[in-house]
Amino acid sequence: MKFADEFRNKAIAQGIARAIGAEVSSQRAYRFMEFCGGHTHAISRYGLEDLLPANVRMIHGPGCPVCVLPASRIDMAIRLVDRPEVTLCVYGDLMRAPGSQGQSLLRAKALGADIRMVYSTLDAIRLAEQAPSREVVFFAIGFETTTPPTAVMIRIAEKKRLKGLSVFCNHVLTPSAMHSILENPKIRDTGGVPIDGFIGPAHVSTIIGTQPYEPLAEQFGKPIVIAGFEPLDVLQAILMLVRQVNEDRNEVENQYSRVVTREGNRRAKDEVSQIFELRAQFEWRGLGLVPNSGLKLKPAYAQFDAETRFAIHDLRVADNPACECCAILRGAKRPVDCKLFGTVCTPETPIGSCMVSSEGACAAYWTYGRVRDEPLRRTS
């Protein structure tokens, strides 16, 4: 705890906040998107926005893999588990993620589907070993951080000859989503929210490093600072972004240098590249179809690909029209702008994925009581 406490020092935080206040220009607005849900929670938990000048606005991005999973993929999983021979292994947050027409995996389980909540890929391997007559499907989800364990699971399944184990792959890539946000004006500026820079994801960057963000910074002229999750990390990243904007620099800087390198984890990246390949496009909730933003198993591992094995076809379904999750995920709105927030939509009765997931923006606002949205921030 001593190490963590050093990054939560109140006096140092106030000092960084004063430096930010001294360096921002009163003649302009600073709009920074934190891409990762962990950063959104840190900002809400420690009240960091209250330390910032009114013309520095934090925009919550699509940094939660459960949140950005479209309803169509939940529906596809429910159709898959309708097969009596299938056992579906999922992480806990996914159980209540909304599909279409009020469907969810939790409801499917209540109706008799064989759905097991697991804590790691190893749980799925053990289940496949214990029940060789079952078709055990692992619902793989996450950004680059959770992709290596799925790749390792495939390796183990191949070595152990687990013919009944397969993967429903929903792994997605953060740089591709950032590219889509910056490239597409309909996404970038919906609701009048241009972006001046990014706080880049921390856990993801431990795997891929900082290099993949460099083309984005150069092409779109936007600074990117990779930051840790502690309050001092986030504040320092904001100060670094302010300085880049003031100096008209568009660079990738690494605030989280105690963990992240430019090259990332080469062994993990090599493992992933051997098992997976790019999809031409993948649907993100809030962003639509994003080119080269998803992964699928290579043809050599088709026997472990649930979509190939069970001939699962892509679906396109509409989101709940009363829920503002899609606008929240692309930064166009905040949770408090949704008329369902805190009324019919709570963690106990979630309507949208942003309230379901522990990393969602709505869950952060609810958990830490961030229900105020100052007029100065809304108009900046």
Foldseek 3Di string as FASTA:
>chain_A
DVVQVVLADPVVLLVLLVLQVVQFDPVAAAEEEAAALLQLLQCLQNVSVVSHPLRYFYFYAQRDFLQFAALQLQVLVLVVQVPVQEAEEEADLQQCAHHPPRDGNVVSVVVPGRYHYDDALVVLVVVLVVCLSGQYEYEAIDELLRLLRVLVSLVVCVVVVSLRAAYAFHYWYVVLVVCLCLVDCCLQQQLHHHHQAYAYEASNQLAAFQQSCFVVLVVRVHAYEHFDNRSSRVSVSSSVRSVCVVVSHRGYHYSPVVRGHRRHDVVSVVSSVVFKDFDQWDQTQLRGTGGRTTIAGDPVSLSRHPCNVVVRDGDDDDADPQDCSSCSNSRSDALLVRPCQPPCDACVRHRHSLRSDCSHRSVSCRVSVVNDDDPSNSVD
